[in-house]
Amino acid sequence: MVLATLRDRGSPLAGLTAAITLDDAVEEAIQTFVSDARQAGHTWQEIGELLAISRQAAQQRFGRAPDGGDPEEARLGQRAVEIVQQLAQHEWTAASADWDETMRAKLPLSELAATWDQIIANTGPLTASGRPSVSRRDPFLVCEVPLVFEHGPMRARISFNRSGEVSGLFIALPK
């Protein structure tokens, strides 16, 4: 049932992106419920049996706090995904709310709208976005967001300065 739903996403890449997103949500749910079970007094043995793994494997996998990475990187990765969604919904003001002065000067809202419309004319509508990856390229944090348009994959690269403002926005073919 789930596989059929994912295949109905329009393209194999859109389905793959949706499956990865679903996998992330399932992993987060398992982490949360294991934590809840432990707080309720359930043993690693009980949890392991439910997960069809040993007590030791359950404790090793879930016994320490999940590595959330750098909270600033996670926040900016989420903001990058949000910007892409706002562009897809033509919410130009919201998408550009945290741009630095240079971005505002180089890409006013009217040009942003025209540029996005040109991308859509060439690629078809945005059908899915994937999990962001964040890397440090001093003095910036650069977020790459996989995108799936009707006619194929692209990627968004959004650069944030040290103040957390958007300093660069590129939509390009995947690497």
N, C-alpha and C. Protein backbone atom coordinates (compact mmCIF):
# COMPACT_ATOMS: atom_id res chain seq x y z
N MET A 1 0.83 -1.19 0.00
CA MET A 1 0.00 0.00 0.00
C MET A 1 0.87 1.26 0.00
N VAL A 2 1.83 1.30 0.91
CA VAL A 2 2.72 2.47 0.98
C VAL A 2 3.55 2.57 -0.29
N LEU A 3 4.06 1.44 -0.78
CA LEU A 3 4.86 1.44 -1.99
C LEU A 3 4.07 1.98 -3.18
N ALA A 4 2.82 1.56 -3.30
CA ALA A 4 1.97 2.05 -4.39
C ALA A 4 1.78 3.55 -4.28
N THR A 5 1.59 4.04 -3.07
CA THR A 5 1.44 5.49 -2.86
C THR A 5 2.69 6.23 -3.25
N LEU A 6 3.86 5.71 -2.87
CA LEU A 6 5.12 6.36 -3.22
C LEU A 6 5.35 6.34 -4.73
N ARG A 7 4.95 5.25 -5.38
CA ARG A 7 5.11 5.17 -6.84
C ARG A 7 4.20 6.16 -7.56
N ASP A 8 3.11 6.55 -6.93
CA ASP A 8 2.18 7.50 -7.53
C ASP A 8 2.65 8.94 -7.42
N ARG A 9 3.86 9.17 -6.93
CA ARG A 9 4.38 10.53 -6.73
C ARG A 9 4.72 11.21 -8.05
N GLY A 10 4.72 10.50 -9.16
CA GLY A 10 4.95 11.14 -10.45
C GLY A 10 6.24 10.73 -11.12
N SER A 11 7.30 10.54 -10.36
CA SER A 11 8.56 10.12 -10.95
C SER A 11 9.31 9.27 -9.92
N PRO A 12 10.22 8.43 -10.40
CA PRO A 12 10.99 7.62 -9.45
C PRO A 12 11.76 8.47 -8.44
N LEU A 13 12.28 9.64 -8.86
CA LEU A 13 13.03 10.49 -7.94
C LEU A 13 12.12 11.11 -6.89
N ALA A 14 10.92 11.49 -7.29
CA ALA A 14 9.97 12.03 -6.31
C ALA A 14 9.59 10.94 -5.31
N GLY A 15 9.39 9.72 -5.80
CA GLY A 15 9.09 8.61 -4.91
C GLY A 15 10.23 8.31 -3.96
N LEU A 16 11.47 8.34 -4.48
CA LEU A 16 12.64 8.11 -3.63
C LEU A 16 12.77 9.18 -2.57
N THR A 17 12.56 10.42 -2.94
CA THR A 17 12.62 11.52 -1.97
C THR A 17 11.56 11.34 -0.90
N ALA A 18 10.36 10.96 -1.29
CA ALA A 18 9.28 10.72 -0.33
C ALA A 18 9.63 9.55 0.59
N ALA A 19 10.22 8.49 0.04
CA ALA A 19 10.60 7.33 0.85
C ALA A 19 11.66 7.70 1.88
N ILE A 20 12.63 8.51 1.49
CA ILE A 20 13.67 8.95 2.43
C ILE A 20 13.05 9.78 3.54
N THR A 21 12.14 10.67 3.17
CA THR A 21 11.45 11.49 4.16
C THR A 21 10.65 10.62 5.11
N LEU A 22 9.97 9.62 4.58
CA LEU A 22 9.20 8.68 5.40
C LEU A 22 10.12 7.89 6.32
N ASP A 23 11.26 7.46 5.81
CA ASP A 23 12.23 6.72 6.62
C ASP A 23 12.72 7.58 7.78
N ASP A 24 13.00 8.85 7.53
CA ASP A 24 13.42 9.76 8.60
C ASP A 24 12.34 9.90 9.66
N ALA A 25 11.08 9.99 9.22
CA ALA A 25 9.97 10.13 10.17
C ALA A 25 9.81 8.87 11.01
N VAL A 26 9.96 7.70 10.39
CA VAL A 26 9.85 6.44 11.12
C VAL A 26 10.98 6.33 12.14
N GLU A 27 12.19 6.66 11.75
CA GLU A 27 13.32 6.60 12.67
C GLU A 27 13.11 7.53 13.86
N GLU A 28 12.62 8.73 13.59
CA GLU A 28 12.34 9.68 14.67
C GLU A 28 11.25 9.13 15.61
N ALA A 29 10.23 8.51 15.04
CA ALA A 29 9.16 7.94 15.86
C ALA A 29 9.69 6.80 16.73
N ILE A 30 10.52 5.93 16.16
CA ILE A 30 11.09 4.83 16.94
C ILE A 30 11.93 5.38 18.08
N GLN A 31 12.78 6.37 17.80
CA GLN A 31 13.61 6.98 18.85
C GLN A 31 12.73 7.53 19.97
N THR A 32 11.67 8.22 19.59
CA THR A 32 10.78 8.84 20.58
C THR A 32 10.10 7.79 21.44
N PHE A 33 9.57 6.74 20.79
CA PHE A 33 8.84 5.73 21.55
C PHE A 33 9.76 4.86 22.40
N VAL A 34 10.97 4.63 21.96
CA VAL A 34 11.94 3.91 22.80
C VAL A 34 12.24 4.75 24.04
N SER A 35 12.45 6.03 23.84
CA SER A 35 12.70 6.93 24.97
C SER A 35 11.52 6.93 25.94
N ASP A 36 10.30 7.02 25.37
CA ASP A 36 9.09 7.00 26.21
C ASP A 36 8.98 5.68 26.98
N ALA A 37 9.29 4.57 26.30
CA ALA A 37 9.22 3.26 26.96
C ALA A 37 10.22 3.17 28.10
N ARG A 38 11.42 3.66 27.89
CA ARG A 38 12.43 3.64 28.94
C ARG A 38 11.99 4.50 30.13
N GLN A 39 11.44 5.69 29.83
CA GLN A 39 10.98 6.57 30.91
C GLN A 39 9.82 5.94 31.68
N ALA A 40 9.05 5.09 31.01
CA ALA A 40 7.92 4.40 31.66
C ALA A 40 8.38 3.16 32.42
N GLY A 41 9.69 2.86 32.38
CA GLY A 41 10.23 1.76 33.15
C GLY A 41 10.42 0.45 32.41
N HIS A 42 10.22 0.43 31.10
CA HIS A 42 10.41 -0.80 30.34
C HIS A 42 11.90 -1.09 30.19
N THR A 43 12.23 -2.37 30.13
CA THR A 43 13.63 -2.80 30.08
C THR A 43 14.13 -2.82 28.64
N TRP A 44 15.47 -2.85 28.53
CA TRP A 44 16.08 -2.99 27.21
C TRP A 44 15.71 -4.34 26.61
N GLN A 45 15.53 -5.35 27.44
CA GLN A 45 15.12 -6.67 26.96
C GLN A 45 13.76 -6.60 26.28
N GLU A 46 12.80 -5.91 26.90
CA GLU A 46 11.46 -5.78 26.32
C GLU A 46 11.52 -5.02 24.99
N ILE A 47 12.28 -3.94 24.99
CA ILE A 47 12.39 -3.12 23.78
C ILE A 47 13.07 -3.91 22.67
N GLY A 48 14.15 -4.60 23.01
CA GLY A 48 14.85 -5.42 22.03
C GLY A 48 13.96 -6.49 21.42
N GLU A 49 13.16 -7.14 22.26
CA GLU A 49 12.25 -8.17 21.75
C GLU A 49 11.26 -7.59 20.75
N LEU A 50 10.72 -6.44 21.06
CA LEU A 50 9.78 -5.79 20.13
C LEU A 50 10.43 -5.43 18.80
N LEU A 51 11.70 -5.04 18.85
CA LEU A 51 12.42 -4.62 17.65
C LEU A 51 13.12 -5.79 16.96
N ALA A 52 12.98 -7.00 17.54
CA ALA A 52 13.62 -8.21 17.00
C ALA A 52 15.14 -8.07 16.96
N ILE A 53 15.69 -7.45 18.01
CA ILE A 53 17.13 -7.33 18.18
C ILE A 53 17.45 -7.69 19.64
N SER A 54 18.70 -7.88 19.92
CA SER A 54 19.08 -8.25 21.29
C SER A 54 18.95 -7.05 22.23
N ARG A 55 18.94 -7.35 23.52
CA ARG A 55 18.91 -6.30 24.54
C ARG A 55 20.11 -5.38 24.37
N GLN A 56 21.27 -5.99 24.12
CA GLN A 56 22.50 -5.19 23.96
C GLN A 56 22.42 -4.29 22.72
N ALA A 57 21.90 -4.82 21.63
CA ALA A 57 21.78 -4.03 20.40
C ALA A 57 20.83 -2.85 20.61
N ALA A 58 19.72 -3.10 21.31
CA ALA A 58 18.76 -2.02 21.59
C ALA A 58 19.42 -0.94 22.44
N GLN A 59 20.16 -1.37 23.46
CA GLN A 59 20.81 -0.40 24.35
C GLN A 59 21.89 0.39 23.60
N GLN A 60 22.65 -0.29 22.75
CA GLN A 60 23.69 0.41 22.00
C GLN A 60 23.09 1.41 21.01
N ARG A 61 22.00 1.01 20.37
CA ARG A 61 21.39 1.88 19.35
C ARG A 61 20.64 3.06 19.97
N PHE A 62 19.94 2.81 21.08
CA PHE A 62 19.05 3.82 21.63
C PHE A 62 19.45 4.33 23.00
N GLY A 63 20.50 3.75 23.60
CA GLY A 63 20.85 4.07 24.98
C GLY A 63 21.48 5.42 25.20
N ARG A 64 22.01 5.99 24.17
CA ARG A 64 22.60 7.34 24.31
C ARG A 64 21.73 8.33 23.56
N ALA A 65 21.87 9.56 23.94
CA ALA A 65 21.08 10.61 23.28
C ALA A 65 21.43 10.63 21.80
N PRO A 66 20.43 10.74 20.92
CA PRO A 66 20.74 10.81 19.50
C PRO A 66 21.58 12.04 19.20
N ASP A 67 22.51 11.85 18.27
CA ASP A 67 23.38 12.95 17.89
C ASP A 67 22.60 13.91 17.00
N GLY A 68 22.21 15.02 17.58
CA GLY A 68 21.45 16.00 16.82
C GLY A 68 22.34 16.90 16.00
N GLY A 69 23.68 16.72 16.13
CA GLY A 69 24.58 17.58 15.39
C GLY A 69 24.53 18.99 15.93
N ASP A 70 25.03 19.89 15.16
CA ASP A 70 25.07 21.29 15.51
C ASP A 70 23.66 21.87 15.39
N PRO A 71 23.10 22.41 16.50
CA PRO A 71 21.73 22.94 16.43
C PRO A 71 21.59 24.08 15.42
N GLU A 72 22.63 24.87 15.26
CA GLU A 72 22.58 25.97 14.28
C GLU A 72 22.49 25.42 12.86
N GLU A 73 23.26 24.37 12.57
CA GLU A 73 23.20 23.75 11.25
C GLU A 73 21.81 23.15 11.00
N ALA A 74 21.26 22.50 12.01
CA ALA A 74 19.92 21.91 11.87
C ALA A 74 18.88 22.99 11.62
N ARG A 75 18.98 24.10 12.34
CA ARG A 75 18.02 25.20 12.18
C ARG A 75 18.12 25.80 10.78
N LEU A 76 19.34 26.02 10.31
CA LEU A 76 19.50 26.62 8.98
C LEU A 76 19.13 25.64 7.88
N GLY A 77 19.38 24.35 8.09
CA GLY A 77 18.93 23.35 7.12
C GLY A 77 17.42 23.36 6.98
N GLN A 78 16.73 23.47 8.12
CA GLN A 78 15.27 23.54 8.10
C GLN A 78 14.80 24.83 7.43
N ARG A 79 15.50 25.91 7.69
CA ARG A 79 15.14 27.19 7.05
C ARG A 79 15.32 27.11 5.54
N ALA A 80 16.36 26.42 5.08
CA ALA A 80 16.59 26.27 3.64
C ALA A 80 15.42 25.53 3.00
N VAL A 81 14.96 24.46 3.64
CA VAL A 81 13.80 23.71 3.12
C VAL A 81 12.57 24.61 3.12
N GLU A 82 12.41 25.38 4.16
CA GLU A 82 11.26 26.30 4.26
C GLU A 82 11.30 27.33 3.13
N ILE A 83 12.47 27.86 2.82
CA ILE A 83 12.61 28.84 1.73
C ILE A 83 12.17 28.22 0.42
N VAL A 84 12.60 26.99 0.15
CA VAL A 84 12.21 26.31 -1.09
C VAL A 84 10.69 26.16 -1.14
N GLN A 85 10.08 25.75 -0.03
CA GLN A 85 8.63 25.60 0.01
C GLN A 85 7.93 26.94 -0.22
N GLN A 86 8.48 28.01 0.35
CA GLN A 86 7.89 29.34 0.16
C GLN A 86 8.01 29.78 -1.29
N LEU A 87 9.12 29.48 -1.93
CA LEU A 87 9.27 29.80 -3.35
C LEU A 87 8.23 29.03 -4.17
N ALA A 88 8.05 27.75 -3.87
CA ALA A 88 7.09 26.94 -4.61
C ALA A 88 5.66 27.46 -4.46
N GLN A 89 5.40 28.10 -3.31
CA GLN A 89 4.06 28.63 -3.05
C GLN A 89 3.95 30.12 -3.40
N HIS A 90 4.97 30.66 -4.04
CA HIS A 90 5.01 32.06 -4.46
C HIS A 90 4.91 33.03 -3.28
N GLU A 91 5.45 32.63 -2.15
CA GLU A 91 5.47 33.49 -0.96
C GLU A 91 6.81 34.23 -0.93
N TRP A 92 6.95 35.20 -1.83
CA TRP A 92 8.23 35.87 -2.06
C TRP A 92 8.70 36.63 -0.81
N THR A 93 7.79 37.31 -0.14
CA THR A 93 8.18 38.10 1.05
C THR A 93 8.67 37.19 2.16
N ALA A 94 7.97 36.09 2.39
CA ALA A 94 8.39 35.14 3.44
C ALA A 94 9.72 34.49 3.08
N ALA A 95 9.89 34.12 1.81
CA ALA A 95 11.14 33.48 1.38
C ALA A 95 12.33 34.40 1.55
N SER A 96 12.12 35.68 1.38
CA SER A 96 13.23 36.65 1.44
C SER A 96 13.32 37.39 2.77
N ALA A 97 12.58 36.95 3.76
CA ALA A 97 12.50 37.68 5.03
C ALA A 97 13.85 37.84 5.73
N ASP A 98 14.74 36.86 5.57
CA ASP A 98 16.03 36.92 6.27
C ASP A 98 17.22 37.05 5.33
N TRP A 99 17.00 37.73 4.19
CA TRP A 99 18.10 37.98 3.26
C TRP A 99 18.96 39.12 3.76
N ASP A 100 20.25 39.05 3.47
CA ASP A 100 21.13 40.16 3.82
C ASP A 100 20.96 41.29 2.79
N GLU A 101 21.59 42.41 3.04
CA GLU A 101 21.42 43.59 2.18
C GLU A 101 21.84 43.32 0.74
N THR A 102 22.91 42.59 0.56
CA THR A 102 23.40 42.31 -0.80
C THR A 102 22.37 41.48 -1.57
N MET A 103 21.80 40.46 -0.94
CA MET A 103 20.78 39.65 -1.60
C MET A 103 19.57 40.50 -1.98
N ARG A 104 19.14 41.35 -1.06
CA ARG A 104 17.99 42.21 -1.35
C ARG A 104 18.27 43.14 -2.53
N ALA A 105 19.50 43.65 -2.61
CA ALA A 105 19.86 44.55 -3.70
C ALA A 105 20.00 43.82 -5.03
N LYS A 106 20.58 42.62 -4.99
CA LYS A 106 20.85 41.88 -6.23
C LYS A 106 19.64 41.12 -6.78
N LEU A 107 18.71 40.75 -5.88
CA LEU A 107 17.56 39.97 -6.32
C LEU A 107 16.28 40.49 -5.67
N PRO A 108 15.77 41.62 -6.18
CA PRO A 108 14.51 42.15 -5.63
C PRO A 108 13.37 41.16 -5.87
N LEU A 109 12.29 41.33 -5.14
CA LEU A 109 11.18 40.37 -5.19
C LEU A 109 10.63 40.16 -6.60
N SER A 110 10.56 41.22 -7.38
CA SER A 110 10.03 41.07 -8.75
C SER A 110 10.94 40.16 -9.58
N GLU A 111 12.26 40.28 -9.41
CA GLU A 111 13.19 39.41 -10.14
C GLU A 111 13.17 37.99 -9.58
N LEU A 112 12.98 37.86 -8.27
CA LEU A 112 12.87 36.53 -7.66
C LEU A 112 11.68 35.80 -8.28
N ALA A 113 10.54 36.47 -8.35
CA ALA A 113 9.33 35.86 -8.92
C ALA A 113 9.56 35.48 -10.38
N ALA A 114 10.15 36.37 -11.14
CA ALA A 114 10.40 36.10 -12.57
C ALA A 114 11.38 34.94 -12.74
N THR A 115 12.40 34.88 -11.91
CA THR A 115 13.38 33.81 -11.99
C THR A 115 12.75 32.47 -11.65
N TRP A 116 11.96 32.44 -10.57
CA TRP A 116 11.29 31.19 -10.20
C TRP A 116 10.33 30.75 -11.30
N ASP A 117 9.59 31.69 -11.86
CA ASP A 117 8.66 31.35 -12.95
C ASP A 117 9.41 30.77 -14.15
N GLN A 118 10.60 31.29 -14.42
CA GLN A 118 11.42 30.77 -15.53
C GLN A 118 11.88 29.33 -15.22
N ILE A 119 12.28 29.09 -13.99
CA ILE A 119 12.68 27.74 -13.59
C ILE A 119 11.51 26.78 -13.79
N ILE A 120 10.33 27.17 -13.33
CA ILE A 120 9.13 26.32 -13.45
C ILE A 120 8.78 26.09 -14.92
N ALA A 121 8.94 27.11 -15.75
CA ALA A 121 8.65 26.97 -17.17
C ALA A 121 9.56 25.91 -17.81
N ASN A 122 10.79 25.80 -17.32
CA ASN A 122 11.76 24.84 -17.88
C ASN A 122 11.70 23.46 -17.24
N THR A 123 11.30 23.39 -15.98
CA THR A 123 11.39 22.12 -15.24
C THR A 123 10.05 21.54 -14.86
N GLY A 124 8.99 22.30 -15.00
CA GLY A 124 7.69 21.88 -14.46
C GLY A 124 7.65 22.21 -12.98
N PRO A 125 6.53 21.97 -12.34
CA PRO A 125 6.39 22.34 -10.92
C PRO A 125 7.29 21.49 -10.01
N LEU A 126 7.59 22.04 -8.86
CA LEU A 126 8.32 21.32 -7.83
C LEU A 126 7.40 20.25 -7.26
N THR A 127 7.86 18.99 -7.24
CA THR A 127 7.02 17.91 -6.73
C THR A 127 7.49 17.41 -5.37
N ALA A 128 8.77 17.61 -5.04
CA ALA A 128 9.28 17.14 -3.75
C ALA A 128 10.62 17.80 -3.45
N SER A 129 10.93 17.85 -2.17
CA SER A 129 12.26 18.28 -1.75
C SER A 129 12.78 17.26 -0.76
N GLY A 130 14.09 17.13 -0.70
CA GLY A 130 14.71 16.12 0.15
C GLY A 130 15.32 16.69 1.41
N ARG A 131 16.05 15.85 2.08
CA ARG A 131 16.71 16.20 3.34
C ARG A 131 17.88 17.13 3.06
N PRO A 132 17.97 18.24 3.78
CA PRO A 132 19.07 19.18 3.53
C PRO A 132 20.39 18.65 4.09
N SER A 133 21.47 18.99 3.43
CA SER A 133 22.80 18.74 3.98
C SER A 133 23.44 20.10 4.18
N VAL A 134 24.19 20.22 5.26
CA VAL A 134 24.77 21.51 5.63
C VAL A 134 26.28 21.34 5.76
N SER A 135 27.01 22.26 5.17
CA SER A 135 28.47 22.23 5.31
C SER A 135 28.96 23.64 5.63
N ARG A 136 30.08 23.68 6.31
CA ARG A 136 30.71 24.96 6.64
C ARG A 136 31.71 25.30 5.56
N ARG A 137 31.55 26.46 5.00
CA ARG A 137 32.51 27.01 4.04
C ARG A 137 32.75 28.44 4.45
N ASP A 138 33.65 28.59 5.42
CA ASP A 138 33.85 29.89 6.05
C ASP A 138 33.90 31.01 5.03
N PRO A 139 33.19 32.05 5.29
CA PRO A 139 32.45 32.39 6.50
C PRO A 139 30.97 31.99 6.44
N PHE A 140 30.61 31.02 5.59
CA PHE A 140 29.21 30.68 5.38
C PHE A 140 28.89 29.27 5.85
N LEU A 141 27.60 29.06 6.12
CA LEU A 141 27.03 27.72 6.22
C LEU A 141 26.23 27.53 4.94
N VAL A 142 26.53 26.49 4.20
CA VAL A 142 25.88 26.26 2.91
C VAL A 142 24.96 25.05 3.03
N CYS A 143 23.69 25.27 2.69
CA CYS A 143 22.68 24.21 2.76
C CYS A 143 22.33 23.78 1.34
N GLU A 144 22.45 22.48 1.10
CA GLU A 144 22.05 21.89 -0.19
C GLU A 144 20.75 21.13 0.04
N VAL A 145 19.75 21.44 -0.76
CA VAL A 145 18.45 20.77 -0.65
C VAL A 145 18.15 20.09 -1.98
N PRO A 146 18.07 18.75 -2.00
CA PRO A 146 17.68 18.07 -3.24
C PRO A 146 16.24 18.43 -3.61
N LEU A 147 16.02 18.68 -4.88
CA LEU A 147 14.69 19.05 -5.37
C LEU A 147 14.30 18.11 -6.49
N VAL A 148 13.03 17.83 -6.58
CA VAL A 148 12.50 17.04 -7.70
C VAL A 148 11.41 17.88 -8.34
N PHE A 149 11.65 18.23 -9.60
CA PHE A 149 10.66 18.94 -10.39
C PHE A 149 10.00 17.92 -11.33
N GLU A 150 8.93 18.32 -11.92
CA GLU A 150 8.19 17.42 -12.81
C GLU A 150 9.09 16.79 -13.88
N HIS A 151 10.05 17.57 -14.39
CA HIS A 151 10.90 17.08 -15.49
C HIS A 151 12.28 16.65 -15.03
N GLY A 152 12.49 16.51 -13.72
CA GLY A 152 13.78 16.00 -13.28
C GLY A 152 14.31 16.65 -12.02
N PRO A 153 15.45 16.15 -11.57
CA PRO A 153 16.02 16.64 -10.31
C PRO A 153 16.81 17.93 -10.50
N MET A 154 16.85 18.70 -9.44
CA MET A 154 17.67 19.91 -9.34
C MET A 154 18.14 19.96 -7.88
N ARG A 155 18.78 21.02 -7.51
CA ARG A 155 19.15 21.22 -6.11
C ARG A 155 19.14 22.71 -5.82
N ALA A 156 18.83 23.03 -4.59
CA ALA A 156 18.91 24.41 -4.13
C ALA A 156 20.15 24.50 -3.26
N ARG A 157 20.92 25.55 -3.44
CA ARG A 157 22.06 25.84 -2.57
C ARG A 157 21.80 27.21 -1.95
N ILE A 158 21.65 27.20 -0.63
CA ILE A 158 21.35 28.44 0.08
C ILE A 158 22.48 28.67 1.08
N SER A 159 23.12 29.83 0.96
CA SER A 159 24.25 30.17 1.83
C SER A 159 23.80 31.15 2.89
N PHE A 160 24.19 30.88 4.13
CA PHE A 160 23.86 31.74 5.26
C PHE A 160 25.15 32.34 5.80
N ASN A 161 25.11 33.64 6.12
CA ASN A 161 26.29 34.29 6.71
C ASN A 161 26.33 34.01 8.21
N ARG A 162 27.32 34.56 8.88
CA ARG A 162 27.50 34.30 10.32
C ARG A 162 26.34 34.79 11.17
N SER A 163 25.57 35.74 10.63
CA SER A 163 24.41 36.26 11.36
C SER A 163 23.14 35.45 11.08
N GLY A 164 23.26 34.42 10.24
CA GLY A 164 22.10 33.59 9.91
C GLY A 164 21.25 34.16 8.79
N GLU A 165 21.77 35.18 8.11
CA GLU A 165 21.03 35.77 6.99
C GLU A 165 21.40 35.05 5.70
N VAL A 166 20.47 35.02 4.75
CA VAL A 166 20.73 34.40 3.46
C VAL A 166 21.63 35.32 2.65
N SER A 167 22.76 34.77 2.22
CA SER A 167 23.73 35.52 1.42
C SER A 167 23.84 35.01 -0.01
N GLY A 168 23.21 33.87 -0.30
CA GLY A 168 23.26 33.31 -1.64
C GLY A 168 22.14 32.32 -1.84
N LEU A 169 21.60 32.28 -3.06
CA LEU A 169 20.52 31.35 -3.41
C LEU A 169 20.74 30.92 -4.84
N PHE A 170 20.93 29.62 -5.04
CA PHE A 170 21.14 29.08 -6.38
C PHE A 170 20.25 27.85 -6.55
N ILE A 171 19.65 27.74 -7.72
CA ILE A 171 18.93 26.54 -8.11
C ILE A 171 19.70 25.99 -9.30
N ALA A 172 20.19 24.75 -9.18
CA ALA A 172 21.08 24.21 -10.22
C ALA A 172 20.79 22.74 -10.44
N LEU A 173 21.41 22.21 -11.48
CA LEU A 173 21.34 20.77 -11.73
C LEU A 173 22.08 20.05 -10.62
N PRO A 174 21.71 18.80 -10.34
CA PRO A 174 22.42 18.05 -9.31
C PRO A 174 23.87 17.83 -9.71
N LYS A 175 24.72 17.62 -8.72
CA LYS A 175 26.14 17.39 -8.98
C LYS A 175 26.35 16.10 -9.71
